[in-house]
Protein backbone atom coordinates (compact mmCIF):
# COMPACT_ATOMS: atom_id res chain seq x y z
CA MET A 1 9.47 -47.47 -5.42
CA ASN A 2 11.33 -50.79 -5.10
CA ILE A 3 10.04 -53.80 -3.18
CA THR A 4 12.31 -53.26 -0.19
CA ARG A 5 11.34 -49.65 0.23
CA ARG A 6 7.66 -50.44 -0.26
CA ALA A 7 7.80 -53.14 2.39
CA ALA A 8 9.50 -50.74 4.79
CA ILE A 9 6.83 -48.09 4.23
CA ALA A 10 4.07 -50.64 4.67
CA GLY A 11 5.58 -51.97 7.87
CA ALA A 12 6.12 -48.52 9.31
CA ALA A 13 2.60 -47.39 8.51
CA ALA A 14 1.10 -50.59 9.91
CA ALA A 15 3.03 -50.14 13.14
CA SER A 16 2.05 -46.48 13.26
CA PHE A 17 -1.64 -47.28 13.08
CA GLY A 18 -1.49 -50.43 15.19
CA LEU A 19 -2.88 -52.50 12.33
CA SER A 20 -1.65 -55.56 10.52
CA ALA A 21 -0.73 -55.19 6.87
CA GLY A 22 -3.44 -56.16 4.39
CA PRO A 23 -7.02 -54.86 4.30
CA VAL A 24 -9.61 -56.75 6.27
CA PHE A 25 -13.21 -56.56 5.12
CA ALA A 26 -15.99 -57.62 7.47
CA ASN A 27 -19.65 -56.68 7.19
CA ASP A 28 -18.73 -54.21 4.45
CA LYS A 29 -16.83 -52.05 6.89
CA LEU A 30 -14.81 -49.46 4.99
CA ARG A 31 -11.93 -47.52 6.49
CA ILE A 32 -11.89 -44.08 4.86
CA GLY A 33 -8.80 -41.91 5.22
CA LYS A 34 -8.85 -38.12 4.69
CA SER A 35 -5.39 -36.83 3.76
CA ILE A 36 -6.10 -33.68 5.78
CA GLY A 37 -8.83 -32.65 8.18
CA SER A 38 -9.10 -29.03 7.02
CA SER A 39 -10.86 -29.76 3.73
CA PHE A 40 -14.43 -28.91 2.76
CA PRO A 41 -14.75 -31.70 0.13
CA PHE A 42 -13.20 -34.35 2.41
CA SER A 43 -15.74 -33.45 5.10
CA GLY A 44 -18.24 -35.21 2.86
CA ALA A 45 -17.02 -38.45 4.45
CA ASP A 46 -18.21 -37.29 7.88
CA TYR A 47 -21.39 -35.84 6.43
CA GLY A 48 -22.29 -38.97 4.45
CA LYS A 49 -21.82 -41.05 7.57
CA ALA A 50 -23.86 -38.68 9.74
CA LYS A 51 -26.73 -38.51 7.21
CA GLY A 52 -26.82 -42.30 6.88
CA PHE A 53 -25.99 -42.38 3.16
CA PHE A 54 -23.26 -44.98 3.63
CA ALA A 55 -25.34 -47.11 6.00
CA ALA A 56 -28.17 -47.06 3.45
CA VAL A 57 -26.00 -49.01 0.99
CA GLY A 58 -24.74 -51.45 3.62
CA ILE A 59 -21.46 -49.70 4.49
CA ASP A 60 -20.14 -49.20 8.00
CA ALA A 61 -17.87 -46.19 7.43
CA GLU A 62 -14.90 -45.51 9.69
CA VAL A 63 -13.30 -42.12 9.02
CA SER A 64 -9.75 -41.16 10.00
CA VAL A 65 -7.56 -38.12 9.32
CA PHE A 66 -3.90 -37.99 8.26
CA ARG A 67 -1.23 -35.31 8.00
CA GLY A 68 -1.08 -35.01 4.24
CA ASP A 69 -1.08 -37.14 1.10
CA GLY A 70 2.20 -38.86 1.95
CA GLN A 71 0.97 -40.28 5.25
CA MET A 72 -2.35 -41.31 3.76
CA GLN A 73 -0.58 -43.14 0.93
CA GLN A 74 1.56 -44.92 3.52
CA ALA A 75 -1.66 -46.08 5.17
CA LEU A 76 -2.89 -47.42 1.83
CA ALA A 77 0.45 -49.20 1.35
CA ALA A 78 0.06 -50.80 4.77
CA GLY A 79 -3.56 -51.82 4.20
CA ALA A 80 -4.58 -49.60 7.12
CA ILE A 81 -7.33 -47.96 5.04
CA ASP A 82 -9.48 -49.09 2.13
CA ILE A 83 -10.47 -45.70 0.67
CA GLY A 84 -8.34 -42.57 0.49
CA LEU A 85 -9.45 -38.98 -0.12
CA GLY A 86 -6.50 -37.03 -1.45
CA SER A 87 -5.07 -34.64 -4.02
CA GLY A 88 -4.85 -35.03 -7.77
CA PRO A 89 -1.04 -35.10 -7.69
CA GLY A 90 -1.37 -37.96 -5.18
CA MET A 91 -2.31 -40.09 -8.19
CA GLY A 92 1.42 -40.37 -8.83
CA TYR A 93 1.90 -42.72 -5.88
CA ALA A 94 0.23 -45.52 -7.84
CA ALA A 95 3.06 -45.26 -10.39
CA LYS A 96 5.49 -45.77 -7.47
CA GLY A 97 3.86 -49.06 -6.53
CA VAL A 98 1.53 -47.99 -3.71
CA PRO A 99 -1.49 -50.37 -3.90
CA GLY A 100 -4.02 -47.57 -3.99
CA ILE A 101 -5.24 -46.07 -7.26
CA ALA A 102 -7.63 -43.27 -8.18
CA VAL A 103 -11.10 -44.51 -9.14
CA ALA A 104 -13.12 -41.27 -9.25
CA ALA A 105 -12.56 -37.53 -9.46
CA MET A 106 -13.85 -35.51 -6.53
CA ALA A 107 -13.11 -31.91 -7.53
CA SER A 108 -11.93 -30.05 -10.61
CA GLU A 109 -9.86 -26.86 -10.92
CA PRO A 110 -8.51 -25.42 -7.63
CA ARG A 111 -11.03 -22.68 -6.94
CA ASN A 112 -10.61 -23.44 -3.24
CA MET A 113 -6.93 -22.45 -3.35
CA SER A 114 -6.35 -18.71 -3.12
CA LEU A 115 -3.91 -15.84 -2.99
CA VAL A 116 -4.29 -13.55 -0.01
CA VAL A 117 -2.64 -10.16 0.50
CA LEU A 118 -2.80 -7.61 3.30
CA LYS A 119 -6.09 -5.74 3.41
CA ASN A 120 -4.49 -2.32 3.02
CA GLY A 121 -1.24 -3.45 1.41
CA PRO A 122 0.34 -2.30 -1.87
CA ILE A 123 -0.70 -5.36 -3.96
CA LYS A 124 -3.90 -4.54 -5.85
CA SER A 125 -3.90 -7.18 -8.60
CA VAL A 126 -2.11 -10.38 -9.62
CA ASP A 127 -0.02 -8.31 -12.04
CA ASP A 128 1.57 -6.60 -9.04
CA LEU A 129 3.10 -9.91 -7.94
CA LYS A 130 5.67 -10.04 -10.77
CA GLY A 131 9.10 -10.36 -9.20
CA LYS A 132 7.61 -10.39 -5.69
CA ARG A 133 7.89 -13.03 -2.96
CA VAL A 134 4.84 -15.20 -2.26
CA GLY A 135 4.64 -17.59 0.67
CA VAL A 136 3.74 -21.26 0.25
CA THR A 137 3.66 -24.19 2.67
CA THR A 138 6.65 -26.28 1.58
CA ALA A 139 8.92 -26.67 -1.43
CA GLY A 140 7.46 -29.12 -3.96
CA SER A 141 3.97 -28.83 -2.48
CA LEU A 142 0.76 -28.15 -4.40
CA THR A 143 0.88 -24.52 -3.19
CA ASP A 144 4.41 -24.24 -4.63
CA TRP A 145 3.35 -25.72 -7.98
CA LEU A 146 0.22 -23.57 -8.24
CA THR A 147 2.25 -20.39 -7.71
CA ARG A 148 4.73 -21.35 -10.43
CA LYS A 149 1.87 -22.30 -12.73
CA LEU A 150 0.22 -18.91 -12.18
CA SER A 151 3.51 -17.16 -12.99
CA ALA A 152 3.90 -19.19 -16.20
CA THR A 153 0.28 -18.46 -17.16
CA LYS A 154 0.98 -14.73 -16.84
CA GLY A 155 3.91 -15.11 -19.24
CA TRP A 156 6.59 -14.51 -16.59
CA GLY A 157 8.02 -18.03 -16.62
CA ALA A 158 7.99 -20.41 -13.66
CA GLU A 159 10.32 -18.12 -11.68
CA GLY A 160 8.47 -14.85 -12.36
CA ILE A 161 7.08 -14.96 -8.82
CA GLU A 162 9.62 -15.78 -6.11
CA VAL A 163 8.19 -18.80 -4.31
CA THR A 164 9.07 -18.77 -0.61
CA PRO A 165 8.32 -21.87 1.53
CA MET A 166 7.33 -20.76 5.05
CA GLY A 167 5.21 -23.50 6.61
CA GLU A 168 2.05 -22.65 8.51
CA MET A 169 -0.19 -19.66 7.88
CA ARG A 170 0.68 -17.66 10.98
CA THR A 171 4.33 -17.60 9.93
CA ARG A 172 3.39 -16.42 6.45
CA LEU A 173 1.04 -13.77 7.87
CA ALA A 174 3.81 -12.40 10.07
CA ALA A 175 6.10 -12.24 7.02
CA MET A 176 3.42 -10.39 5.07
CA LYS A 177 3.05 -7.84 7.87
CA SER A 178 6.82 -7.30 8.01
CA GLY A 179 6.98 -6.78 4.24
CA GLU A 180 8.99 -9.93 3.66
CA LEU A 181 6.15 -11.44 1.59
CA ALA A 182 3.80 -9.78 -0.87
CA GLY A 183 1.18 -12.48 -0.42
CA SER A 184 0.47 -16.08 0.48
CA VAL A 185 -1.17 -19.13 -1.11
CA ASN A 186 -3.86 -20.53 1.20
CA SER A 187 -7.00 -22.59 1.28
CA ILE A 188 -10.05 -20.41 0.65
CA GLN A 189 -11.08 -20.91 4.30
CA GLU A 190 -7.74 -19.62 5.60
CA THR A 191 -8.14 -16.58 3.37
CA PHE A 192 -11.67 -15.82 4.55
CA ASN A 193 -10.52 -16.23 8.15
CA LEU A 194 -8.05 -13.41 7.50
CA VAL A 195 -10.69 -11.37 5.68
CA GLU A 196 -13.08 -11.76 8.62
CA ALA A 197 -10.32 -10.72 11.04
CA GLY A 198 -9.76 -7.55 9.00
CA GLU A 199 -6.21 -8.55 8.12
CA GLY A 200 -6.41 -9.93 4.59
CA ARG A 201 -7.97 -9.50 1.18
CA LEU A 202 -8.74 -12.20 -1.37
CA LEU A 203 -6.66 -11.40 -4.47
CA ALA A 204 -7.50 -14.39 -6.67
CA THR A 205 -8.19 -18.10 -6.75
CA PHE A 206 -6.32 -20.58 -8.94
CA GLY A 207 -9.26 -21.81 -10.99
CA ASP A 208 -8.35 -19.60 -13.96
CA ALA A 209 -4.62 -20.32 -13.77
CA VAL A 210 -5.17 -24.09 -13.76
CA PRO A 211 -8.45 -24.63 -15.68
CA ASP A 212 -7.93 -28.35 -16.36
CA PHE A 213 -7.04 -30.13 -13.13
CA HIS A 214 -8.35 -32.56 -10.54
CA THR A 215 -7.64 -30.94 -7.18
CA HIS A 216 -9.08 -33.90 -5.24
CA VAL A 217 -9.67 -37.55 -6.14
CA ILE A 218 -10.88 -40.77 -4.48
CA PHE A 219 -8.42 -43.66 -4.13
CA ALA A 220 -9.26 -47.31 -3.51
CA HIS A 221 -7.00 -50.14 -2.36
CA ARG A 222 -6.47 -52.67 -5.14
CA LYS A 223 -7.51 -55.50 -2.83
CA LEU A 224 -10.90 -53.87 -2.33
CA ILE A 225 -11.18 -53.41 -6.10
CA ALA A 226 -10.31 -57.05 -6.79
CA GLU A 227 -12.29 -58.72 -4.00
CA LYS A 228 -15.30 -56.46 -3.40
CA PRO A 229 -15.83 -54.18 -6.38
CA GLU A 230 -19.55 -53.89 -5.62
CA VAL A 231 -18.79 -52.54 -2.15
CA LEU A 232 -16.64 -49.87 -3.80
CA ARG A 233 -19.44 -49.07 -6.24
CA ASN A 234 -21.87 -48.73 -3.33
CA PHE A 235 -19.44 -46.40 -1.57
CA LEU A 236 -19.14 -44.23 -4.66
CA ARG A 237 -22.90 -44.06 -5.09
CA ALA A 238 -23.26 -42.95 -1.47
CA TRP A 239 -20.39 -40.47 -1.83
CA PHE A 240 -21.93 -38.70 -4.82
CA LYS A 241 -25.36 -38.76 -3.21
CA THR A 242 -23.70 -36.92 -0.30
CA ALA A 243 -22.13 -34.42 -2.73
CA ALA A 244 -25.54 -33.72 -4.27
CA TYR A 245 -27.03 -33.26 -0.80
CA MET A 246 -24.27 -30.76 0.04
CA ARG A 247 -25.13 -28.86 -3.15
CA ASP A 248 -28.88 -28.84 -2.50
CA ASN A 249 -28.84 -28.05 1.24
CA ARG A 250 -26.57 -25.06 1.69
CA ALA A 251 -27.48 -23.90 5.20
CA GLU A 252 -27.37 -27.37 6.74
CA THR A 253 -24.10 -28.18 4.94
CA VAL A 254 -22.43 -24.97 6.10
CA LYS A 255 -23.44 -25.65 9.68
CA PHE A 256 -22.24 -29.26 9.67
CA ILE A 257 -18.92 -28.65 7.94
CA ALA A 258 -18.16 -25.60 10.10
CA GLN A 259 -18.39 -27.92 13.10
CA THR A 260 -16.30 -30.62 11.38
CA MET A 261 -13.56 -28.19 10.34
CA LYS A 262 -13.85 -26.19 13.60
CA LEU A 263 -14.31 -22.90 11.76
CA PRO A 264 -16.89 -20.09 12.07
CA GLU A 265 -20.03 -20.65 10.01
CA SER A 266 -19.44 -17.26 8.40
CA VAL A 267 -16.16 -18.53 6.92
CA LEU A 268 -17.85 -21.63 5.49
CA GLU A 269 -20.71 -19.53 4.16
CA ALA A 270 -18.24 -17.23 2.36
CA SER A 271 -16.31 -20.17 0.87
CA TYR A 272 -19.28 -22.43 0.04
CA ASP A 273 -19.74 -21.30 -3.58
CA TYR A 274 -16.03 -21.66 -4.33
CA GLU A 275 -16.03 -25.21 -2.99
CA MET A 276 -19.25 -26.40 -4.57
CA SER A 277 -18.39 -24.94 -7.98
CA MET A 278 -15.45 -27.38 -8.25
CA MET A 279 -17.15 -30.46 -6.79
CA SER A 280 -17.84 -33.42 -9.06
CA PHE A 281 -21.23 -35.09 -8.86
CA ASP A 282 -20.42 -38.18 -10.90
CA GLY A 283 -16.65 -38.75 -10.50
CA ALA A 284 -15.84 -38.66 -14.21
CA PHE A 285 -12.19 -37.99 -15.05
CA ASN A 286 -11.42 -35.10 -17.39
CA PRO A 287 -8.76 -36.27 -19.90
CA LYS A 288 -7.25 -32.76 -20.05
CA ALA A 289 -7.01 -32.66 -16.26
CA VAL A 290 -5.26 -36.04 -16.24
CA GLU A 291 -2.75 -34.65 -18.76
CA THR A 292 -2.07 -31.66 -16.50
CA ILE A 293 -1.52 -33.97 -13.54
CA ARG A 294 0.80 -36.26 -15.52
CA TYR A 295 3.21 -33.38 -16.09
CA SER A 296 2.73 -31.87 -12.61
CA LEU A 297 4.05 -35.09 -11.05
CA LYS A 298 7.50 -34.49 -12.48
CA ASP A 299 7.34 -30.75 -11.72
CA LEU A 300 6.51 -31.49 -8.07
CA GLY A 301 9.21 -34.14 -7.76
CA ILE A 302 6.71 -36.89 -6.93
CA LEU A 303 8.08 -38.80 -9.92
CA ASP A 304 11.28 -38.44 -11.92
CA ARG A 305 9.37 -39.00 -15.16
CA VAL A 306 6.05 -38.19 -16.78
CA PRO A 307 3.89 -41.31 -16.27
CA GLU A 308 1.35 -42.78 -18.65
CA ALA A 309 -2.27 -41.93 -17.87
CA LYS A 310 -3.10 -45.63 -17.39
CA GLU A 311 -0.72 -45.71 -14.41
CA LEU A 312 -2.66 -43.04 -12.54
CA PHE A 313 -6.31 -44.07 -12.46
CA LEU A 314 -8.52 -47.08 -13.01
CA PRO A 315 -11.42 -46.66 -15.44
CA GLY A 316 -14.71 -48.48 -15.02
CA PHE A 317 -15.93 -47.02 -11.70
CA ALA A 318 -16.84 -43.50 -12.84
CA PRO A 319 -18.97 -41.77 -13.94
CA VAL A 320 -21.30 -42.77 -11.14
CA THR A 321 -25.09 -42.59 -11.02
CA PRO A 322 -25.96 -42.01 -7.33
């Protein structure tokens, strides 16, 4: 990303959020941006604030929600947020010059991403998907990449499953019912919503297809890192204390996050084990996962090259002892 383009993105994001460019830190206030609202792990930001874990380490947390990694990275570029909660492939934006960089891993392999098929449809196993059409959100998205990765893992090559971008879930569901799609790649909550409605069946999750991966990571603005590293360390300690609380208090966590995500508690209860089994409790980066992400960045079109690992994350902040 060249200087002119970066300045344009920063200016646009700053105008969009009504904020001046450049982070402002007062009384250890931290502006935390979730790349999407419909995420179990990202709901830890709301939970940590509600439970007082951030306040206990002197942090006044302000949580906002964006429409994907791209918009959240624009907010980091503009200095509109100090902390970003996003996807592993979002680590590639640092190599483009965005002043936010990953400092801790939040979740490992994508056990919370799933394949759903019709409850009484003809697809009985992943093997039945060879040569079939599977719906994803958009071309070049994580759902697109995961489907191609699954196909390659099965020995069919990246094109062994016909990836079909179709946007939101209701469009993909209609296409499944009409026979246009054999299945769809969804969040585990979307899948269990369909299961509960009697329309879908969970076929598989992507944890086995992508065993070494960081599905979610925590980003920090470089200005925060340079000027107030201890505030960042306090945030990370509070974050992983929240993660441990989520692990140790299932019923309360399900109830809170169901309200945050505006989903039935039964859906969160069904998906809880999938989510918690991939959560990190110390933020340590897995070198093999970083390697997977390095190559995924070119596959997804985020970068036109495979970056060096040192471009993607900043060591020294993780692992964390809450």
